[in-house]
Amino acid sequence: MGKRRSSRELVIKFLYLIEMNPGDTEEQLAQFWESNPCQEEIQNFTVALLAKIHEGQPAIDNLLRKFSENWTLDRMTVIDRNLLRMAVCELMYDKSIPPKVVIDEAVEIAKKYGSGESPNFINGILDRVMKEMEGARAVEPTKH
């Protein structure tokens, strides 16, 4: 498994943990690293992605509400909701990762941690988000 995949799986595990057991996030993160030791590079990517998700969550959730027809965020499983948040965060804020890679990673993680319907559900929403974002980039004015 690649380092980024490992980081993404750690992100999902931590987001699940804090959603199911609200508390002091910094203390929970310290305990999380004790239970999930990993290479510094993996930990750094994980922490950076968690920070981006936290900072961007209002915008991320608004985008998810727009594209998750007939599904409120509260109705989604904890895993699906946080997988979508993570992937949308990467689509919005990390242009170094091709959108199709972001979606493929989210679908593969959904196969491992989600329900039987999770991969198709995740893929459908992320595909719509990606198309919307590509359309927005296509009409952005050129800077001279």
N, C-alpha and C. Protein backbone atom coordinates (compact mmCIF):
# COMPACT_ATOMS: atom_id res chain seq x y z
N MET A 1 0.84 -1.17 0.00
CA MET A 1 0.00 0.00 0.00
C MET A 1 0.89 1.24 0.00
N GLY A 2 0.51 2.22 -0.81
CA GLY A 2 1.28 3.45 -0.90
C GLY A 2 1.15 4.31 0.34
N LYS A 3 2.07 5.26 0.47
CA LYS A 3 2.08 6.14 1.64
C LYS A 3 0.84 7.02 1.69
N ARG A 4 0.42 7.52 0.55
CA ARG A 4 -0.76 8.38 0.54
C ARG A 4 -2.02 7.58 0.89
N ARG A 5 -2.11 6.34 0.38
CA ARG A 5 -3.26 5.51 0.74
C ARG A 5 -3.26 5.25 2.24
N SER A 6 -2.10 4.95 2.80
CA SER A 6 -2.00 4.75 4.25
C SER A 6 -2.47 6.00 4.99
N SER A 7 -2.04 7.16 4.53
CA SER A 7 -2.46 8.42 5.16
C SER A 7 -3.96 8.61 5.07
N ARG A 8 -4.52 8.35 3.90
CA ARG A 8 -5.97 8.53 3.74
C ARG A 8 -6.75 7.58 4.65
N GLU A 9 -6.27 6.36 4.79
CA GLU A 9 -6.95 5.42 5.68
C GLU A 9 -6.85 5.90 7.13
N LEU A 10 -5.71 6.45 7.50
CA LEU A 10 -5.57 7.00 8.85
C LEU A 10 -6.50 8.19 9.06
N VAL A 11 -6.65 9.02 8.04
CA VAL A 11 -7.58 10.16 8.12
C VAL A 11 -8.99 9.65 8.40
N ILE A 12 -9.42 8.64 7.65
CA ILE A 12 -10.77 8.10 7.83
C ILE A 12 -10.93 7.52 9.23
N LYS A 13 -9.94 6.79 9.69
CA LYS A 13 -10.01 6.21 11.03
C LYS A 13 -10.11 7.30 12.10
N PHE A 14 -9.32 8.37 11.94
CA PHE A 14 -9.34 9.43 12.94
C PHE A 14 -10.66 10.20 12.89
N LEU A 15 -11.14 10.53 11.69
CA LEU A 15 -12.41 11.24 11.59
C LEU A 15 -13.55 10.42 12.19
N TYR A 16 -13.50 9.12 11.98
CA TYR A 16 -14.50 8.22 12.57
C TYR A 16 -14.40 8.29 14.09
N LEU A 17 -13.19 8.20 14.60
CA LEU A 17 -12.96 8.22 16.05
C LEU A 17 -13.52 9.49 16.69
N ILE A 18 -13.19 10.64 16.12
CA ILE A 18 -13.62 11.88 16.77
C ILE A 18 -15.12 12.13 16.59
N GLU A 19 -15.70 11.59 15.54
CA GLU A 19 -17.14 11.76 15.38
C GLU A 19 -17.91 10.85 16.34
N MET A 20 -17.39 9.67 16.57
CA MET A 20 -18.06 8.72 17.46
C MET A 20 -17.77 9.02 18.93
N ASN A 21 -16.64 9.66 19.21
CA ASN A 21 -16.22 9.96 20.59
C ASN A 21 -15.75 11.41 20.68
N PRO A 22 -16.68 12.37 20.65
CA PRO A 22 -16.26 13.77 20.71
C PRO A 22 -15.45 14.05 21.98
N GLY A 23 -14.48 14.92 21.84
CA GLY A 23 -13.64 15.27 22.99
C GLY A 23 -12.53 16.19 22.56
N ASP A 24 -11.48 16.22 23.35
CA ASP A 24 -10.30 17.04 23.06
C ASP A 24 -9.56 16.44 21.87
N THR A 25 -9.67 17.10 20.73
CA THR A 25 -9.11 16.56 19.49
C THR A 25 -7.60 16.37 19.57
N GLU A 26 -6.90 17.31 20.18
CA GLU A 26 -5.43 17.18 20.27
C GLU A 26 -5.04 15.98 21.11
N GLU A 27 -5.74 15.78 22.21
CA GLU A 27 -5.46 14.62 23.06
C GLU A 27 -5.80 13.33 22.32
N GLN A 28 -6.92 13.34 21.61
CA GLN A 28 -7.31 12.16 20.83
C GLN A 28 -6.28 11.86 19.75
N LEU A 29 -5.74 12.90 19.12
CA LEU A 29 -4.74 12.70 18.08
C LEU A 29 -3.46 12.09 18.66
N ALA A 30 -3.05 12.57 19.81
CA ALA A 30 -1.85 12.01 20.46
C ALA A 30 -2.06 10.53 20.77
N GLN A 31 -3.22 10.19 21.30
CA GLN A 31 -3.52 8.78 21.60
C GLN A 31 -3.63 7.96 20.31
N PHE A 32 -4.18 8.59 19.27
CA PHE A 32 -4.32 7.92 17.98
C PHE A 32 -2.95 7.51 17.43
N TRP A 33 -1.96 8.41 17.54
CA TRP A 33 -0.63 8.09 17.03
C TRP A 33 0.04 7.00 17.85
N GLU A 34 -0.27 6.95 19.14
CA GLU A 34 0.26 5.86 19.96
C GLU A 34 -0.29 4.51 19.50
N SER A 35 -1.55 4.50 19.10
CA SER A 35 -2.21 3.27 18.65
C SER A 35 -1.92 2.95 17.19
N ASN A 36 -1.52 3.96 16.42
CA ASN A 36 -1.30 3.80 14.98
C ASN A 36 0.05 4.37 14.58
N PRO A 37 1.14 3.78 15.06
CA PRO A 37 2.46 4.31 14.70
C PRO A 37 2.70 4.18 13.19
N CYS A 38 3.37 5.16 12.63
CA CYS A 38 3.65 5.13 11.19
C CYS A 38 4.87 6.00 10.91
N GLN A 39 5.30 5.97 9.66
CA GLN A 39 6.44 6.78 9.24
C GLN A 39 6.09 8.26 9.36
N GLU A 40 7.09 9.07 9.61
CA GLU A 40 6.88 10.51 9.77
C GLU A 40 6.20 11.13 8.54
N GLU A 41 6.62 10.70 7.36
CA GLU A 41 6.04 11.23 6.12
C GLU A 41 4.53 10.95 6.05
N ILE A 42 4.13 9.76 6.45
CA ILE A 42 2.71 9.39 6.45
C ILE A 42 1.97 10.23 7.48
N GLN A 43 2.56 10.37 8.66
CA GLN A 43 1.92 11.15 9.71
C GLN A 43 1.78 12.61 9.28
N ASN A 44 2.80 13.18 8.66
CA ASN A 44 2.74 14.57 8.23
C ASN A 44 1.65 14.79 7.19
N PHE A 45 1.54 13.89 6.20
CA PHE A 45 0.50 14.02 5.18
C PHE A 45 -0.88 13.88 5.83
N THR A 46 -1.00 12.95 6.77
CA THR A 46 -2.27 12.73 7.46
C THR A 46 -2.70 13.98 8.23
N VAL A 47 -1.78 14.55 8.99
CA VAL A 47 -2.09 15.74 9.79
C VAL A 47 -2.44 16.91 8.87
N ALA A 48 -1.71 17.07 7.78
CA ALA A 48 -2.00 18.17 6.84
C ALA A 48 -3.38 18.00 6.23
N LEU A 49 -3.73 16.78 5.85
CA LEU A 49 -5.04 16.55 5.25
C LEU A 49 -6.15 16.75 6.28
N LEU A 50 -5.95 16.30 7.50
CA LEU A 50 -6.94 16.53 8.56
C LEU A 50 -7.15 18.03 8.78
N ALA A 51 -6.07 18.81 8.76
CA ALA A 51 -6.18 20.26 8.96
C ALA A 51 -6.96 20.90 7.81
N LYS A 52 -6.68 20.48 6.57
CA LYS A 52 -7.40 21.03 5.42
C LYS A 52 -8.88 20.70 5.50
N ILE A 53 -9.20 19.48 5.90
CA ILE A 53 -10.61 19.07 6.02
C ILE A 53 -11.29 19.93 7.08
N HIS A 54 -10.64 20.11 8.22
CA HIS A 54 -11.21 20.90 9.31
C HIS A 54 -11.45 22.35 8.87
N GLU A 55 -10.44 22.94 8.25
CA GLU A 55 -10.54 24.34 7.82
C GLU A 55 -11.58 24.53 6.72
N GLY A 56 -11.66 23.57 5.81
CA GLY A 56 -12.55 23.71 4.67
C GLY A 56 -13.92 23.08 4.84
N GLN A 57 -14.20 22.53 6.02
CA GLN A 57 -15.42 21.75 6.18
C GLN A 57 -16.71 22.49 5.82
N PRO A 58 -16.89 23.76 6.16
CA PRO A 58 -18.13 24.42 5.74
C PRO A 58 -18.31 24.42 4.21
N ALA A 59 -17.27 24.76 3.48
CA ALA A 59 -17.35 24.77 2.01
C ALA A 59 -17.50 23.36 1.46
N ILE A 60 -16.78 22.42 2.05
CA ILE A 60 -16.85 21.01 1.62
C ILE A 60 -18.26 20.49 1.82
N ASP A 61 -18.83 20.73 3.00
CA ASP A 61 -20.18 20.24 3.29
C ASP A 61 -21.22 20.89 2.39
N ASN A 62 -21.05 22.18 2.08
CA ASN A 62 -21.98 22.84 1.15
C ASN A 62 -21.96 22.17 -0.21
N LEU A 63 -20.77 21.85 -0.69
CA LEU A 63 -20.65 21.17 -1.99
C LEU A 63 -21.27 19.78 -1.92
N LEU A 64 -21.05 19.07 -0.84
CA LEU A 64 -21.65 17.74 -0.69
C LEU A 64 -23.17 17.81 -0.65
N ARG A 65 -23.72 18.80 0.04
CA ARG A 65 -25.18 18.95 0.08
C ARG A 65 -25.73 19.18 -1.32
N LYS A 66 -25.00 19.93 -2.10
CA LYS A 66 -25.45 20.24 -3.47
C LYS A 66 -25.52 18.99 -4.33
N PHE A 67 -24.60 18.06 -4.16
CA PHE A 67 -24.51 16.91 -5.05
C PHE A 67 -25.01 15.60 -4.47
N SER A 68 -25.40 15.58 -3.23
CA SER A 68 -25.91 14.33 -2.64
C SER A 68 -27.43 14.37 -2.63
N GLU A 69 -27.99 14.22 -3.81
CA GLU A 69 -29.44 14.29 -3.98
C GLU A 69 -30.14 13.28 -3.07
N ASN A 70 -31.17 13.76 -2.38
CA ASN A 70 -31.98 12.93 -1.49
C ASN A 70 -31.21 12.37 -0.30
N TRP A 71 -30.04 12.88 -0.03
CA TRP A 71 -29.24 12.43 1.12
C TRP A 71 -28.77 13.64 1.90
N THR A 72 -29.16 13.74 3.16
CA THR A 72 -28.57 14.76 4.01
C THR A 72 -27.27 14.20 4.55
N LEU A 73 -26.39 15.06 4.97
CA LEU A 73 -25.11 14.59 5.52
C LEU A 73 -25.35 13.71 6.74
N ASP A 74 -26.34 14.06 7.56
CA ASP A 74 -26.63 13.27 8.76
C ASP A 74 -27.13 11.87 8.44
N ARG A 75 -27.73 11.70 7.28
CA ARG A 75 -28.28 10.40 6.89
C ARG A 75 -27.21 9.46 6.35
N MET A 76 -26.10 10.01 5.91
CA MET A 76 -25.00 9.18 5.39
C MET A 76 -24.33 8.45 6.54
N THR A 77 -23.71 7.31 6.23
CA THR A 77 -22.93 6.64 7.27
C THR A 77 -21.72 7.51 7.61
N VAL A 78 -21.19 7.33 8.80
CA VAL A 78 -20.03 8.12 9.24
C VAL A 78 -18.86 7.92 8.27
N ILE A 79 -18.64 6.68 7.85
CA ILE A 79 -17.54 6.39 6.92
C ILE A 79 -17.76 7.10 5.59
N ASP A 80 -18.95 6.95 5.00
CA ASP A 80 -19.22 7.58 3.70
C ASP A 80 -19.09 9.09 3.78
N ARG A 81 -19.68 9.69 4.80
CA ARG A 81 -19.64 11.15 4.95
C ARG A 81 -18.19 11.65 5.04
N ASN A 82 -17.38 10.97 5.83
CA ASN A 82 -16.00 11.42 6.00
C ASN A 82 -15.12 11.08 4.81
N LEU A 83 -15.40 9.99 4.13
CA LEU A 83 -14.69 9.70 2.88
C LEU A 83 -14.98 10.79 1.85
N LEU A 84 -16.24 11.18 1.76
CA LEU A 84 -16.61 12.24 0.82
C LEU A 84 -15.94 13.56 1.21
N ARG A 85 -15.93 13.87 2.49
CA ARG A 85 -15.27 15.11 2.93
C ARG A 85 -13.79 15.10 2.56
N MET A 86 -13.15 13.98 2.81
CA MET A 86 -11.72 13.88 2.51
C MET A 86 -11.47 14.05 1.00
N ALA A 87 -12.24 13.33 0.19
CA ALA A 87 -12.03 13.39 -1.26
C ALA A 87 -12.36 14.77 -1.82
N VAL A 88 -13.46 15.36 -1.38
CA VAL A 88 -13.81 16.70 -1.86
C VAL A 88 -12.75 17.71 -1.43
N CYS A 89 -12.23 17.55 -0.24
CA CYS A 89 -11.14 18.41 0.22
C CYS A 89 -9.95 18.33 -0.74
N GLU A 90 -9.58 17.11 -1.11
CA GLU A 90 -8.45 16.96 -2.04
C GLU A 90 -8.79 17.52 -3.41
N LEU A 91 -10.02 17.34 -3.86
CA LEU A 91 -10.42 17.89 -5.16
C LEU A 91 -10.37 19.41 -5.14
N MET A 92 -10.79 20.00 -4.03
CA MET A 92 -10.85 21.46 -3.94
C MET A 92 -9.50 22.12 -3.68
N TYR A 93 -8.69 21.51 -2.82
CA TYR A 93 -7.52 22.21 -2.30
C TYR A 93 -6.17 21.64 -2.70
N ASP A 94 -6.14 20.49 -3.36
CA ASP A 94 -4.84 19.90 -3.73
C ASP A 94 -4.83 19.59 -5.22
N LYS A 95 -4.43 20.57 -5.99
CA LYS A 95 -4.43 20.42 -7.45
C LYS A 95 -3.30 19.53 -7.95
N SER A 96 -2.41 19.10 -7.06
CA SER A 96 -1.30 18.25 -7.48
C SER A 96 -1.73 16.79 -7.69
N ILE A 97 -2.93 16.45 -7.20
CA ILE A 97 -3.42 15.08 -7.34
C ILE A 97 -4.51 15.08 -8.40
N PRO A 98 -4.36 14.29 -9.46
CA PRO A 98 -5.39 14.24 -10.50
C PRO A 98 -6.74 13.83 -9.92
N PRO A 99 -7.83 14.49 -10.32
CA PRO A 99 -9.15 14.18 -9.78
C PRO A 99 -9.52 12.70 -9.86
N LYS A 100 -9.19 12.05 -10.96
CA LYS A 100 -9.54 10.63 -11.09
C LYS A 100 -8.81 9.78 -10.05
N VAL A 101 -7.60 10.17 -9.67
CA VAL A 101 -6.86 9.45 -8.63
C VAL A 101 -7.56 9.64 -7.28
N VAL A 102 -7.99 10.86 -7.00
CA VAL A 102 -8.71 11.13 -5.75
C VAL A 102 -9.94 10.25 -5.66
N ILE A 103 -10.70 10.19 -6.74
CA ILE A 103 -11.94 9.40 -6.75
C ILE A 103 -11.62 7.91 -6.61
N ASP A 104 -10.64 7.43 -7.36
CA ASP A 104 -10.27 6.01 -7.27
C ASP A 104 -9.84 5.64 -5.86
N GLU A 105 -9.06 6.49 -5.23
CA GLU A 105 -8.61 6.23 -3.86
C GLU A 105 -9.81 6.15 -2.91
N ALA A 106 -10.73 7.10 -3.04
CA ALA A 106 -11.91 7.11 -2.16
C ALA A 106 -12.75 5.86 -2.36
N VAL A 107 -12.91 5.44 -3.61
CA VAL A 107 -13.70 4.23 -3.90
C VAL A 107 -13.02 3.00 -3.31
N GLU A 108 -11.71 2.90 -3.45
CA GLU A 108 -10.99 1.74 -2.90
C GLU A 108 -11.08 1.70 -1.37
N ILE A 109 -10.98 2.85 -0.75
CA ILE A 109 -11.11 2.89 0.72
C ILE A 109 -12.54 2.56 1.13
N ALA A 110 -13.51 3.00 0.33
CA ALA A 110 -14.92 2.67 0.60
C ALA A 110 -15.15 1.17 0.54
N LYS A 111 -14.48 0.51 -0.40
CA LYS A 111 -14.60 -0.96 -0.50
C LYS A 111 -14.10 -1.63 0.77
N LYS A 112 -13.08 -1.06 1.37
CA LYS A 112 -12.46 -1.66 2.55
C LYS A 112 -13.22 -1.34 3.84
N TYR A 113 -13.70 -0.11 3.98
CA TYR A 113 -14.28 0.34 5.25
C TYR A 113 -15.78 0.60 5.20
N GLY A 114 -16.34 0.77 4.02
CA GLY A 114 -17.75 1.14 3.92
C GLY A 114 -18.66 -0.07 3.79
N SER A 115 -19.90 0.21 3.47
CA SER A 115 -20.89 -0.84 3.25
C SER A 115 -20.80 -1.33 1.81
N GLY A 116 -21.62 -2.29 1.46
CA GLY A 116 -21.62 -2.81 0.09
C GLY A 116 -22.00 -1.76 -0.94
N GLU A 117 -22.81 -0.79 -0.53
CA GLU A 117 -23.25 0.27 -1.46
C GLU A 117 -22.29 1.46 -1.49
N SER A 118 -21.39 1.53 -0.54
CA SER A 118 -20.52 2.70 -0.40
C SER A 118 -19.72 3.04 -1.66
N PRO A 119 -19.05 2.07 -2.30
CA PRO A 119 -18.23 2.45 -3.46
C PRO A 119 -19.03 3.15 -4.56
N ASN A 120 -20.21 2.63 -4.90
CA ASN A 120 -21.02 3.27 -5.95
C ASN A 120 -21.54 4.63 -5.50
N PHE A 121 -21.96 4.72 -4.25
CA PHE A 121 -22.45 5.98 -3.70
C PHE A 121 -21.36 7.05 -3.74
N ILE A 122 -20.19 6.71 -3.25
CA ILE A 122 -19.04 7.63 -3.23
C ILE A 122 -18.66 8.04 -4.65
N ASN A 123 -18.56 7.06 -5.54
CA ASN A 123 -18.17 7.32 -6.93
C ASN A 123 -19.17 8.27 -7.60
N GLY A 124 -20.46 8.03 -7.40
CA GLY A 124 -21.47 8.87 -8.05
C GLY A 124 -21.40 10.32 -7.61
N ILE A 125 -21.30 10.54 -6.33
CA ILE A 125 -21.24 11.92 -5.83
C ILE A 125 -19.94 12.60 -6.26
N LEU A 126 -18.82 11.91 -6.11
CA LEU A 126 -17.53 12.52 -6.47
C LEU A 126 -17.43 12.79 -7.96
N ASP A 127 -18.02 11.94 -8.78
CA ASP A 127 -18.02 12.17 -10.22
C ASP A 127 -18.76 13.47 -10.56
N ARG A 128 -19.90 13.69 -9.90
CA ARG A 128 -20.65 14.94 -10.14
C ARG A 128 -19.86 16.15 -9.65
N VAL A 129 -19.23 16.02 -8.49
CA VAL A 129 -18.41 17.13 -7.96
C VAL A 129 -17.27 17.44 -8.93
N MET A 130 -16.58 16.39 -9.41
CA MET A 130 -15.45 16.58 -10.32
C MET A 130 -15.91 17.29 -11.60
N LYS A 131 -17.03 16.86 -12.17
CA LYS A 131 -17.52 17.49 -13.41
C LYS A 131 -17.87 18.95 -13.19
N GLU A 132 -18.47 19.26 -12.06
CA GLU A 132 -18.79 20.65 -11.73
C GLU A 132 -17.51 21.48 -11.62
N MET A 133 -16.53 20.93 -10.94
CA MET A 133 -15.27 21.67 -10.75
C MET A 133 -14.53 21.83 -12.07
N GLU A 134 -14.55 20.81 -12.91
CA GLU A 134 -13.91 20.93 -14.23
C GLU A 134 -14.62 21.97 -15.07
N GLY A 135 -15.93 22.02 -15.00
CA GLY A 135 -16.71 23.01 -15.73
C GLY A 135 -16.39 24.42 -15.26
N ALA A 136 -16.24 24.59 -13.96
CA ALA A 136 -15.91 25.90 -13.40
C ALA A 136 -14.52 26.35 -13.85
N ARG A 137 -13.57 25.41 -13.90
CA ARG A 137 -12.21 25.75 -14.34
C ARG A 137 -12.21 26.12 -15.83
N ALA A 138 -13.06 25.46 -16.60
CA ALA A 138 -13.08 25.70 -18.04
C ALA A 138 -13.56 27.11 -18.37
N VAL A 139 -14.39 27.70 -17.50
CA VAL A 139 -14.92 29.03 -17.79
C VAL A 139 -14.21 30.14 -17.02
N GLU A 140 -13.18 29.78 -16.24
CA GLU A 140 -12.43 30.81 -15.53
C GLU A 140 -11.71 31.70 -16.53
N PRO A 141 -11.73 33.01 -16.30
CA PRO A 141 -11.02 33.90 -17.23
C PRO A 141 -9.52 33.66 -17.18
N THR A 142 -8.88 33.85 -18.31
CA THR A 142 -7.43 33.68 -18.40
C THR A 142 -6.76 34.90 -17.80
N LYS A 143 -5.74 34.65 -16.99
CA LYS A 143 -4.99 35.76 -16.38
C LYS A 143 -3.82 36.10 -17.29
N HIS A 144 -3.64 37.40 -17.55
CA HIS A 144 -2.53 37.84 -18.41
C HIS A 144 -1.49 38.53 -17.58
